[in-house]
């Protein structure tokens, strides 16, 4: 479509992971299995938390939100990836591409907020146990989750709208398996200053800001744990928080390298994108379930529970 002397791009082409048909079939099977596993383990985590009264606490309420977000996050990427692996024309429309970008930023922004909220929850539980029930009551928990989703939605819409204002006059080849902010911004033929400033501000304020909150929370937790003379008490604190620390490390590590470094379309960037869009949503529920005795006990109770017979 032409506007004045500028030819506007109306469709993008995704480079994908491979051009070899045989390899594409293998990749399709692999990612289909991974996607089904992501949905299964995250929905199972949601079901266990929902049905077991022992897990009706703020910590597991936040964990259920994280599991839902992980299932949603992978669903933004993987279905289109599977479609393109079996398609000769790996195209994506302008609207579909920017919708995907918006959902990616929304999911990432929401998850950073949720991870900082979960760190704050552990801080209150460890450092102020007597006031924990009052401080982290149901109303506050819902408010914190609602704020996380609202912030994620706002940042996703703002950055996507600003990016969509750029002129895209070709080429239209996205060097990635999905529409993400960095590789799409490379295709802009107008001055990208506003979009670059917007995404960097988002990364600094939201990404770095929530990371600082996580660090502050765990600094207080570690200091409290070291002040306990009982070895069993220290082990209980560290075992409770270790899963969350591992999840935070994986998420922030891949996200920072992906969005805080200049985009080039390299293989490393695609690996990092795969890390937080496919691998992380699968690892998160496994980390929390394998390292958490309460979750494992709840899972055993659910699997061994006898169904009630109704007459």
C-alpha atoms as a PDB file:
ATOM      1  CA  UNK A   1       0.000   0.000   0.000  1.00  0.00           C
ATOM      2  CA  UNK A   2       1.411   3.422  -0.962  1.00  0.00           C
ATOM      3  CA  UNK A   3       1.041   6.575   1.119  1.00  0.00           C
ATOM      4  CA  UNK A   4       2.539   9.516  -0.786  1.00  0.00           C
ATOM      5  CA  UNK A   5       5.992   8.371  -1.879  1.00  0.00           C
ATOM      6  CA  UNK A   6       6.219   5.698   0.874  1.00  0.00           C
ATOM      7  CA  UNK A   7       5.263   2.087   0.240  1.00  0.00           C
ATOM      8  CA  UNK A   8       3.842   0.744   3.495  1.00  0.00           C
ATOM      9  CA  UNK A   9       4.441  -2.871   4.453  1.00  0.00           C
ATOM     10  CA  UNK A  10       1.183  -4.745   5.100  1.00  0.00           C
ATOM     11  CA  UNK A  11       2.640  -8.193   5.694  1.00  0.00           C
ATOM     12  CA  UNK A  12       5.844  -9.502   7.284  1.00  0.00           C
ATOM     13  CA  UNK A  13       7.784 -12.684   6.592  1.00  0.00           C
ATOM     14  CA  UNK A  14       9.137 -14.633   9.561  1.00  0.00           C
ATOM     15  CA  UNK A  15      12.560 -16.131   8.953  1.00  0.00           C
ATOM     16  CA  UNK A  16      11.786 -19.092  11.211  1.00  0.00           C
ATOM     17  CA  UNK A  17      14.202 -21.628  12.630  1.00  0.00           C
ATOM     18  CA  UNK A  18      15.091 -23.620   9.510  1.00  0.00           C
ATOM     19  CA  UNK A  19      14.406 -23.775   5.773  1.00  0.00           C
ATOM     20  CA  UNK A  20      14.961 -27.534   5.570  1.00  0.00           C
ATOM     21  CA  UNK A  21      11.563 -29.321   5.205  1.00  0.00           C
ATOM     22  CA  UNK A  22      12.743 -32.443   7.059  1.00  0.00           C
ATOM     23  CA  UNK A  23      14.121 -30.409   9.954  1.00  0.00           C
ATOM     24  CA  UNK A  24      10.917 -28.353  10.043  1.00  0.00           C
ATOM     25  CA  UNK A  25       8.834 -31.507  10.527  1.00  0.00           C
ATOM     26  CA  UNK A  26      11.098 -32.621  13.370  1.00  0.00           C
ATOM     27  CA  UNK A  27      10.910 -29.170  14.965  1.00  0.00           C
ATOM     28  CA  UNK A  28       7.121 -29.184  14.606  1.00  0.00           C
ATOM     29  CA  UNK A  29       6.865 -32.435  16.566  1.00  0.00           C
ATOM     30  CA  UNK A  30       9.307 -31.222  19.218  1.00  0.00           C
ATOM     31  CA  UNK A  31       7.572 -27.892  19.784  1.00  0.00           C
ATOM     32  CA  UNK A  32       4.120 -29.456  19.689  1.00  0.00           C
ATOM     33  CA  UNK A  33       5.147 -31.864  22.459  1.00  0.00           C
ATOM     34  CA  UNK A  34       6.741 -29.033  24.459  1.00  0.00           C
ATOM     35  CA  UNK A  35       3.653 -26.842  24.043  1.00  0.00           C
ATOM     36  CA  UNK A  36       1.338 -29.626  25.216  1.00  0.00           C
ATOM     37  CA  UNK A  37       3.635 -30.187  28.199  1.00  0.00           C
ATOM     38  CA  UNK A  38       3.569 -26.451  29.014  1.00  0.00           C
ATOM     39  CA  UNK A  39      -0.226 -26.410  29.000  1.00  0.00           C
ATOM     40  CA  UNK A  40      -0.446 -29.659  30.967  1.00  0.00           C
ATOM     41  CA  UNK A  41       1.968 -28.804  33.787  1.00  0.00           C
ATOM     42  CA  UNK A  42       0.727 -25.239  34.211  1.00  0.00           C
ATOM     43  CA  UNK A  43      -2.952 -26.215  34.163  1.00  0.00           C
ATOM     44  CA  UNK A  44      -2.152 -29.061  36.568  1.00  0.00           C
ATOM     45  CA  UNK A  45      -0.506 -26.559  38.893  1.00  0.00           C
ATOM     46  CA  UNK A  46      -3.616 -24.373  38.692  1.00  0.00           C
ATOM     47  CA  UNK A  47      -5.849 -27.363  39.436  1.00  0.00           C
ATOM     48  CA  UNK A  48      -3.782 -28.508  42.419  1.00  0.00           C
ATOM     49  CA  UNK A  49      -3.747 -25.024  43.958  1.00  0.00           C
ATOM     50  CA  UNK A  50      -7.466 -24.573  43.302  1.00  0.00           C
ATOM     51  CA  UNK A  51      -8.609 -27.905  44.753  1.00  0.00           C
ATOM     52  CA  UNK A  52      -6.299 -28.298  47.765  1.00  0.00           C
ATOM     53  CA  UNK A  53      -7.269 -26.160  50.757  1.00  0.00           C
ATOM     54  CA  UNK A  54      -3.740 -26.417  52.173  1.00  0.00           C
ATOM     55  CA  UNK A  55      -2.540 -24.264  49.285  1.00  0.00           C
ATOM     56  CA  UNK A  56      -5.104 -21.495  49.703  1.00  0.00           C
ATOM     57  CA  UNK A  57      -2.461 -19.007  50.853  1.00  0.00           C
ATOM     58  CA  UNK A  58      -1.107 -15.798  49.290  1.00  0.00           C
ATOM     59  CA  UNK A  59       2.064 -17.544  48.103  1.00  0.00           C
ATOM     60  CA  UNK A  60       0.152 -20.116  46.059  1.00  0.00           C
ATOM     61  CA  UNK A  61      -2.389 -17.568  44.900  1.00  0.00           C
ATOM     62  CA  UNK A  62       0.477 -15.669  43.261  1.00  0.00           C
ATOM     63  CA  UNK A  63       1.914 -18.922  41.953  1.00  0.00           C
ATOM     64  CA  UNK A  64      -1.397 -19.767  40.299  1.00  0.00           C
ATOM     65  CA  UNK A  65      -1.323 -16.391  38.547  1.00  0.00           C
ATOM     66  CA  UNK A  66       2.204 -17.119  37.339  1.00  0.00           C
ATOM     67  CA  UNK A  67       1.154 -20.535  36.007  1.00  0.00           C
ATOM     68  CA  UNK A  68      -1.773 -19.025  34.113  1.00  0.00           C
ATOM     69  CA  UNK A  69       0.503 -16.317  32.696  1.00  0.00           C
ATOM     70  CA  UNK A  70       3.101 -18.882  31.586  1.00  0.00           C
ATOM     71  CA  UNK A  71       0.463 -20.884  29.717  1.00  0.00           C
ATOM     72  CA  UNK A  72      -0.802 -17.674  28.118  1.00  0.00           C
ATOM     73  CA  UNK A  73       2.720 -16.451  27.306  1.00  0.00           C
ATOM     74  CA  UNK A  74       3.668 -19.601  25.401  1.00  0.00           C
ATOM     75  CA  UNK A  75       0.335 -19.494  23.565  1.00  0.00           C
ATOM     76  CA  UNK A  76       1.321 -16.113  22.124  1.00  0.00           C
ATOM     77  CA  UNK A  77       4.359 -17.649  20.402  1.00  0.00           C
ATOM     78  CA  UNK A  78       4.002 -21.369  19.833  1.00  0.00           C
ATOM     79  CA  UNK A  79       0.787 -21.726  17.740  1.00  0.00           C
ATOM     80  CA  UNK A  80       2.131 -19.339  15.074  1.00  0.00           C
ATOM     81  CA  UNK A  81       5.515 -21.079  15.227  1.00  0.00           C
ATOM     82  CA  UNK A  82       3.852 -24.458  14.635  1.00  0.00           C
ATOM     83  CA  UNK A  83       1.832 -23.029  11.755  1.00  0.00           C
ATOM     84  CA  UNK A  84       4.910 -21.601  10.051  1.00  0.00           C
ATOM     85  CA  UNK A  85       6.897 -24.813  10.437  1.00  0.00           C
ATOM     86  CA  UNK A  86       4.367 -26.540   8.158  1.00  0.00           C
ATOM     87  CA  UNK A  87       3.748 -23.591   5.858  1.00  0.00           C
ATOM     88  CA  UNK A  88       5.719 -22.574   2.766  1.00  0.00           C
ATOM     89  CA  UNK A  89       4.717 -18.925   3.105  1.00  0.00           C
ATOM     90  CA  UNK A  90       5.777 -17.911   6.601  1.00  0.00           C
ATOM     91  CA  UNK A  91       3.881 -14.651   6.565  1.00  0.00           C
ATOM     92  CA  UNK A  92       2.153 -12.713   9.301  1.00  0.00           C
ATOM     93  CA  UNK A  93      -0.102  -9.713   8.762  1.00  0.00           C
ATOM     94  CA  UNK A  94       0.730  -6.252  10.091  1.00  0.00           C
ATOM     95  CA  UNK A  95      -2.147  -6.384  12.592  1.00  0.00           C
ATOM     96  CA  UNK A  96      -1.343  -9.922  13.741  1.00  0.00           C
ATOM     97  CA  UNK A  97       2.327  -9.055  14.131  1.00  0.00           C
ATOM     98  CA  UNK A  98       1.699  -6.002  16.303  1.00  0.00           C
ATOM     99  CA  UNK A  99      -0.910  -7.869  18.323  1.00  0.00           C
ATOM    100  CA  UNK A 100       1.746 -10.481  19.067  1.00  0.00           C
ATOM    101  CA  UNK A 101       4.255  -7.777  20.048  1.00  0.00           C
ATOM    102  CA  UNK A 102       1.700  -6.197  22.385  1.00  0.00           C
ATOM    103  CA  UNK A 103       0.909  -9.535  24.061  1.00  0.00           C
ATOM    104  CA  UNK A 104       4.605 -10.361  24.450  1.00  0.00           C
ATOM    105  CA  UNK A 105       5.358  -7.054  26.194  1.00  0.00           C
ATOM    106  CA  UNK A 106       2.158  -7.365  28.233  1.00  0.00           C
ATOM    107  CA  UNK A 107       3.083 -10.886  29.392  1.00  0.00           C
ATOM    108  CA  UNK A 108       6.685  -9.945  30.157  1.00  0.00           C
ATOM    109  CA  UNK A 109       5.695  -6.801  32.036  1.00  0.00           C
ATOM    110  CA  UNK A 110       3.064  -8.629  34.057  1.00  0.00           C
ATOM    111  CA  UNK A 111       5.482 -11.417  34.938  1.00  0.00           C
ATOM    112  CA  UNK A 112       8.143  -8.995  36.188  1.00  0.00           C
ATOM    113  CA  UNK A 113       5.536  -7.431  38.476  1.00  0.00           C
ATOM    114  CA  UNK A 114       4.296 -10.814  39.685  1.00  0.00           C
ATOM    115  CA  UNK A 115       7.816 -11.987  40.484  1.00  0.00           C
ATOM    116  CA  UNK A 116       8.460  -8.858  42.558  1.00  0.00           C
ATOM    117  CA  UNK A 117       5.098  -9.330  44.317  1.00  0.00           C
ATOM    118  CA  UNK A 118       6.040 -12.928  45.126  1.00  0.00           C
ATOM    119  CA  UNK A 119       9.371 -11.732  46.541  1.00  0.00           C
ATOM    120  CA  UNK A 120       7.530  -9.170  48.683  1.00  0.00           C
ATOM    121  CA  UNK A 121       5.192 -11.911  49.895  1.00  0.00           C
ATOM    122  CA  UNK A 122       8.165 -14.046  50.993  1.00  0.00           C
ATOM    123  CA  UNK A 123       9.684 -10.992  52.713  1.00  0.00           C
ATOM    124  CA  UNK A 124       6.527 -10.434  54.746  1.00  0.00           C
ATOM    125  CA  UNK A 125       6.249 -14.156  55.602  1.00  0.00           C
ATOM    126  CA  UNK A 126       9.857 -14.458  56.767  1.00  0.00           C
ATOM    127  CA  UNK A 127      10.582 -11.038  58.274  1.00  0.00           C
ATOM    128  CA  UNK A 128       7.147 -10.205  59.731  1.00  0.00           C
ATOM    129  CA  UNK A 129       5.446 -13.566  60.365  1.00  0.00           C
ATOM    130  CA  UNK A 130       3.139 -12.294  63.118  1.00  0.00           C
ATOM    131  CA  UNK A 131       1.687  -9.581  60.860  1.00  0.00           C
ATOM    132  CA  UNK A 132       1.695 -11.709  57.696  1.00  0.00           C
ATOM    133  CA  UNK A 133      -1.992 -12.642  57.765  1.00  0.00           C
ATOM    134  CA  UNK A 134      -2.985  -9.004  58.177  1.00  0.00           C
ATOM    135  CA  UNK A 135      -0.474  -7.549  55.721  1.00  0.00           C
ATOM    136  CA  UNK A 136      -1.139 -10.068  52.960  1.00  0.00           C
ATOM    137  CA  UNK A 137      -4.903 -10.347  53.281  1.00  0.00           C
ATOM    138  CA  UNK A 138      -7.140 -11.331  50.376  1.00  0.00           C
ATOM    139  CA  UNK A 139      -7.965  -7.764  49.361  1.00  0.00           C
ATOM    140  CA  UNK A 140      -4.293  -6.730  49.187  1.00  0.00           C
ATOM    141  CA  UNK A 141      -3.328  -9.865  47.257  1.00  0.00           C
ATOM    142  CA  UNK A 142      -6.037  -9.270  44.652  1.00  0.00           C
ATOM    143  CA  UNK A 143      -4.992  -5.618  44.426  1.00  0.00           C
ATOM    144  CA  UNK A 144      -1.337  -6.525  43.852  1.00  0.00           C
ATOM    145  CA  UNK A 145      -2.258  -9.026  41.140  1.00  0.00           C
ATOM    146  CA  UNK A 146      -4.660  -6.579  39.506  1.00  0.00           C
ATOM    147  CA  UNK A 147      -1.984  -3.882  39.497  1.00  0.00           C
ATOM    148  CA  UNK A 148       0.494  -6.310  37.915  1.00  0.00           C
ATOM    149  CA  UNK A 149      -1.896  -7.153  35.075  1.00  0.00           C
ATOM    150  CA  UNK A 150      -2.814  -3.483  34.581  1.00  0.00           C
ATOM    151  CA  UNK A 151       0.833  -2.369  34.407  1.00  0.00           C
ATOM    152  CA  UNK A 152       1.642  -5.144  31.948  1.00  0.00           C
ATOM    153  CA  UNK A 153      -1.329  -4.228  29.774  1.00  0.00           C
ATOM    154  CA  UNK A 154      -0.462  -0.529  29.823  1.00  0.00           C
ATOM    155  CA  UNK A 155       3.183  -1.026  28.867  1.00  0.00           C
ATOM    156  CA  UNK A 156       2.222  -3.476  26.119  1.00  0.00           C
ATOM    157  CA  UNK A 157      -0.267  -1.098  24.530  1.00  0.00           C
ATOM    158  CA  UNK A 158       1.923   2.001  24.856  1.00  0.00           C
ATOM    159  CA  UNK A 159       5.044   0.474  23.308  1.00  0.00           C
ATOM    160  CA  UNK A 160       3.116  -1.264  20.528  1.00  0.00           C
ATOM    161  CA  UNK A 161       1.157   1.857  19.555  1.00  0.00           C
ATOM    162  CA  UNK A 162       4.370   3.903  19.375  1.00  0.00           C
ATOM    163  CA  UNK A 163       6.067   1.209  17.294  1.00  0.00           C
ATOM    164  CA  UNK A 164       3.087   0.989  14.940  1.00  0.00           C
ATOM    165  CA  UNK A 165       3.481   4.724  14.185  1.00  0.00           C
ATOM    166  CA  UNK A 166       6.793   4.009  12.481  1.00  0.00           C
ATOM    167  CA  UNK A 167       7.003   3.751   8.695  1.00  0.00           C
ATOM    168  CA  UNK A 168       7.707   0.252   7.418  1.00  0.00           C
ATOM    169  CA  UNK A 169       8.590   0.491   3.747  1.00  0.00           C
ATOM    170  CA  UNK A 170      10.623  -2.678   3.305  1.00  0.00           C
ATOM    171  CA  UNK A 171      12.326  -5.036   3.585  1.00  0.00           C
ATOM    172  CA  UNK A 172       9.731  -7.036   5.480  1.00  0.00           C
ATOM    173  CA  UNK A 173      11.805 -10.050   6.609  1.00  0.00           C
ATOM    174  CA  UNK A 174      11.793 -10.501  10.384  1.00  0.00           C
ATOM    175  CA  UNK A 175      14.896 -12.358  11.518  1.00  0.00           C
ATOM    176  CA  UNK A 176      13.110 -14.354  14.154  1.00  0.00           C
ATOM    177  CA  UNK A 177      10.491 -17.076  14.536  1.00  0.00           C
ATOM    178  CA  UNK A 178       8.018 -14.557  15.996  1.00  0.00           C
ATOM    179  CA  UNK A 179       7.136 -10.874  16.008  1.00  0.00           C
ATOM    180  CA  UNK A 180       9.129  -9.264  18.784  1.00  0.00           C
ATOM    181  CA  UNK A 181       9.941  -5.630  19.423  1.00  0.00           C
ATOM    182  CA  UNK A 182      13.708  -5.625  18.641  1.00  0.00           C
ATOM    183  CA  UNK A 183      13.701  -7.364  15.205  1.00  0.00           C
ATOM    184  CA  UNK A 184      10.588  -5.482  14.027  1.00  0.00           C
ATOM    185  CA  UNK A 185      12.097  -2.143  15.062  1.00  0.00           C
ATOM    186  CA  UNK A 186      15.078  -2.915  12.802  1.00  0.00           C
ATOM    187  CA  UNK A 187      12.696  -2.812   9.813  1.00  0.00           C
ATOM    188  CA  UNK A 188      11.478   0.743  10.482  1.00  0.00           C
ATOM    189  CA  UNK A 189      12.565   3.214   7.790  1.00  0.00           C
ATOM    190  CA  UNK A 190      11.638   6.285   9.854  1.00  0.00           C
ATOM    191  CA  UNK A 191      13.387   7.716  12.907  1.00  0.00           C
ATOM    192  CA  UNK A 192      12.867   5.130  15.689  1.00  0.00           C
ATOM    193  CA  UNK A 193      13.912   7.495  18.506  1.00  0.00           C
ATOM    194  CA  UNK A 194      10.493   7.576  20.241  1.00  0.00           C
ATOM    195  CA  UNK A 195      10.066   3.798  20.125  1.00  0.00           C
ATOM    196  CA  UNK A 196      13.623   3.182  21.348  1.00  0.00           C
ATOM    197  CA  UNK A 197      13.185   5.690  24.176  1.00  0.00           C
ATOM    198  CA  UNK A 198       9.862   4.082  25.117  1.00  0.00           C
ATOM    199  CA  UNK A 199      11.118   0.498  25.302  1.00  0.00           C
ATOM    200  CA  UNK A 200      14.311   1.522  27.133  1.00  0.00           C
ATOM    201  CA  UNK A 201      12.260   3.498  29.657  1.00  0.00           C
ATOM    202  CA  UNK A 202      10.018   0.490  30.136  1.00  0.00           C
ATOM    203  CA  UNK A 203      13.023  -1.774  30.674  1.00  0.00           C
ATOM    204  CA  UNK A 204      14.673   0.582  33.151  1.00  0.00           C
ATOM    205  CA  UNK A 205      11.586   1.602  35.128  1.00  0.00           C
ATOM    206  CA  UNK A 206       9.675  -1.690  35.043  1.00  0.00           C
ATOM    207  CA  UNK A 207      12.414  -4.266  34.520  1.00  0.00           C
ATOM    208  CA  UNK A 208      15.147  -2.752  36.671  1.00  0.00           C
ATOM    209  CA  UNK A 209      12.662  -1.315  39.176  1.00  0.00           C
ATOM    210  CA  UNK A 210      11.020  -4.665  39.916  1.00  0.00           C
ATOM    211  CA  UNK A 211      14.430  -6.364  39.990  1.00  0.00           C
ATOM    212  CA  UNK A 212      15.580  -3.928  42.676  1.00  0.00           C
ATOM    213  CA  UNK A 213      12.442  -4.731  44.699  1.00  0.00           C
ATOM    214  CA  UNK A 214      13.291  -8.429  44.422  1.00  0.00           C
ATOM    215  CA  UNK A 215      16.885  -7.805  45.555  1.00  0.00           C
ATOM    216  CA  UNK A 216      15.775  -5.668  48.506  1.00  0.00           C
ATOM    217  CA  UNK A 217      13.241  -8.291  49.598  1.00  0.00           C
ATOM    218  CA  UNK A 218      15.760 -11.123  49.468  1.00  0.00           C
ATOM    219  CA  UNK A 219      18.455  -9.065  51.169  1.00  0.00           C
ATOM    220  CA  UNK A 220      16.136  -8.697  54.165  1.00  0.00           C
ATOM    221  CA  UNK A 221      15.189 -12.384  53.959  1.00  0.00           C
ATOM    222  CA  UNK A 222      18.841 -13.482  53.966  1.00  0.00           C
ATOM    223  CA  UNK A 223      19.675 -11.184  56.870  1.00  0.00           C
ATOM    224  CA  UNK A 224      16.719 -12.571  58.835  1.00  0.00           C
ATOM    225  CA  UNK A 225      17.692 -16.154  58.030  1.00  0.00           C
ATOM    226  CA  UNK A 226      21.291 -15.594  59.120  1.00  0.00           C
ATOM    227  CA  UNK A 227      20.020 -14.205  62.408  1.00  0.00           C
ATOM    228  CA  UNK A 228      18.251 -17.483  63.209  1.00  0.00           C
ATOM    229  CA  UNK A 229      20.333 -19.891  65.297  1.00  0.00           C
ATOM    230  CA  UNK A 230      18.308 -22.942  64.353  1.00  0.00           C
ATOM    231  CA  UNK A 231      19.707 -24.772  61.311  1.00  0.00           C
ATOM    232  CA  UNK A 232      16.281 -26.260  60.547  1.00  0.00           C
ATOM    233  CA  UNK A 233      14.752 -22.777  60.587  1.00  0.00           C
ATOM    234  CA  UNK A 234      17.341 -21.496  58.136  1.00  0.00           C
ATOM    235  CA  UNK A 235      16.856 -24.499  55.861  1.00  0.00           C
ATOM    236  CA  UNK A 236      13.090 -23.966  55.867  1.00  0.00           C
ATOM    237  CA  UNK A 237      13.484 -20.327  54.806  1.00  0.00           C
ATOM    238  CA  UNK A 238      16.001 -21.080  52.068  1.00  0.00           C
ATOM    239  CA  UNK A 239      14.035 -24.054  50.725  1.00  0.00           C
ATOM    240  CA  UNK A 240      10.876 -21.940  50.573  1.00  0.00           C
ATOM    241  CA  UNK A 241      12.594 -19.121  48.669  1.00  0.00           C
ATOM    242  CA  UNK A 242      15.057 -21.064  46.489  1.00  0.00           C
ATOM    243  CA  UNK A 243      12.451 -21.943  43.836  1.00  0.00           C
ATOM    244  CA  UNK A 244      11.470 -18.320  43.390  1.00  0.00           C
ATOM    245  CA  UNK A 245      15.103 -17.177  43.225  1.00  0.00           C
ATOM    246  CA  UNK A 246      15.815 -19.730  40.469  1.00  0.00           C
ATOM    247  CA  UNK A 247      12.756 -18.625  38.463  1.00  0.00           C
ATOM    248  CA  UNK A 248      13.728 -14.943  38.831  1.00  0.00           C
ATOM    249  CA  UNK A 249      17.290 -15.659  37.703  1.00  0.00           C
ATOM    250  CA  UNK A 250      16.180 -17.521  34.570  1.00  0.00           C
ATOM    251  CA  UNK A 251      13.530 -14.956  33.612  1.00  0.00           C
ATOM    252  CA  UNK A 252      15.542 -11.777  34.184  1.00  0.00           C
ATOM    253  CA  UNK A 253      18.724 -13.270  32.747  1.00  0.00           C
ATOM    254  CA  UNK A 254      17.230 -14.128  29.355  1.00  0.00           C
ATOM    255  CA  UNK A 255      14.987 -11.028  29.230  1.00  0.00           C
ATOM    256  CA  UNK A 256      17.775  -8.534  29.948  1.00  0.00           C
ATOM    257  CA  UNK A 257      20.098  -9.998  27.325  1.00  0.00           C
ATOM    258  CA  UNK A 258      17.275 -10.074  24.761  1.00  0.00           C
ATOM    259  CA  UNK A 259      15.933  -6.535  25.190  1.00  0.00           C
ATOM    260  CA  UNK A 260      18.883  -4.569  26.559  1.00  0.00           C
ATOM    261  CA  UNK A 261      21.320  -5.493  23.766  1.00  0.00           C
ATOM    262  CA  UNK A 262      21.169  -4.170  20.171  1.00  0.00           C
ATOM    263  CA  UNK A 263      19.099  -6.399  17.883  1.00  0.00           C
ATOM    264  CA  UNK A 264      21.010  -8.127  15.091  1.00  0.00           C
ATOM    265  CA  UNK A 265      18.942 -11.193  14.211  1.00  0.00           C
ATOM    266  CA  UNK A 266      21.692 -13.514  15.442  1.00  0.00           C
ATOM    267  CA  UNK A 267      21.211 -17.160  16.421  1.00  0.00           C
ATOM    268  CA  UNK A 268      21.898 -16.216  20.061  1.00  0.00           C
ATOM    269  CA  UNK A 269      18.936 -13.826  20.069  1.00  0.00           C
ATOM    270  CA  UNK A 270      16.644 -16.571  18.777  1.00  0.00           C
ATOM    271  CA  UNK A 271      17.946 -18.910  21.487  1.00  0.00           C
ATOM    272  CA  UNK A 272      17.192 -16.278  24.149  1.00  0.00           C
ATOM    273  CA  UNK A 273      13.718 -15.725  22.698  1.00  0.00           C
ATOM    274  CA  UNK A 274      13.130 -19.458  22.794  1.00  0.00           C
ATOM    275  CA  UNK A 275      14.381 -19.491  26.380  1.00  0.00           C
ATOM    276  CA  UNK A 276      11.801 -17.132  27.855  1.00  0.00           C
ATOM    277  CA  UNK A 277       8.933 -17.944  25.484  1.00  0.00           C
ATOM    278  CA  UNK A 278       9.066 -21.742  25.439  1.00  0.00           C
ATOM    279  CA  UNK A 279      11.579 -23.113  27.950  1.00  0.00           C
ATOM    280  CA  UNK A 280      10.794 -20.862  30.935  1.00  0.00           C
ATOM    281  CA  UNK A 281       6.997 -21.510  30.922  1.00  0.00           C
ATOM    282  CA  UNK A 282       7.800 -25.227  31.058  1.00  0.00           C
ATOM    283  CA  UNK A 283      10.495 -24.942  33.738  1.00  0.00           C
ATOM    284  CA  UNK A 284       8.613 -22.655  36.148  1.00  0.00           C
ATOM    285  CA  UNK A 285       5.908 -25.118  37.296  1.00  0.00           C
ATOM    286  CA  UNK A 286       8.456 -27.957  37.363  1.00  0.00           C
ATOM    287  CA  UNK A 287      10.792 -25.925  39.567  1.00  0.00           C
ATOM    288  CA  UNK A 288       8.008 -25.032  41.988  1.00  0.00           C
ATOM    289  CA  UNK A 289       6.603 -28.557  42.101  1.00  0.00           C
ATOM    290  CA  UNK A 290       9.879 -30.505  42.302  1.00  0.00           C
ATOM    291  CA  UNK A 291      11.412 -28.252  44.967  1.00  0.00           C
ATOM    292  CA  UNK A 292       8.263 -27.661  46.992  1.00  0.00           C
ATOM    293  CA  UNK A 293       7.150 -30.302  49.493  1.00  0.00           C
ATOM    294  CA  UNK A 294       3.693 -28.755  49.955  1.00  0.00           C
ATOM    295  CA  UNK A 295       2.959 -28.855  46.227  1.00  0.00           C
ATOM    296  CA  UNK A 296       4.169 -32.457  45.950  1.00  0.00           C
ATOM    297  CA  UNK A 297       2.038 -33.455  48.946  1.00  0.00           C
ATOM    298  CA  UNK A 298      -1.010 -31.708  47.455  1.00  0.00           C
ATOM    299  CA  UNK A 299      -0.428 -33.450  44.138  1.00  0.00           C
ATOM    300  CA  UNK A 300      -0.262 -36.831  45.864  1.00  0.00           C
ATOM    301  CA  UNK A 301      -3.493 -36.089  47.745  1.00  0.00           C
ATOM    302  CA  UNK A 302      -5.238 -35.114  44.502  1.00  0.00           C
ATOM    303  CA  UNK A 303      -4.053 -38.223  42.649  1.00  0.00           C
ATOM    304  CA  UNK A 304      -4.966 -40.602  45.474  1.00  0.00           C
ATOM    305  CA  UNK A 305      -8.285 -38.972  46.296  1.00  0.00           C
ATOM    306  CA  UNK A 306     -11.177 -41.357  45.787  1.00  0.00           C
ATOM    307  CA  UNK A 307     -14.061 -39.981  43.708  1.00  0.00           C
ATOM    308  CA  UNK A 308     -17.324 -39.542  45.531  1.00  0.00           C
ATOM    309  CA  UNK A 309     -20.171 -41.689  44.334  1.00  0.00           C
ATOM    310  CA  UNK A 310     -23.491 -39.948  44.009  1.00  0.00           C
ATOM    311  CA  UNK A 311     -26.813 -41.756  43.886  1.00  0.00           C
END
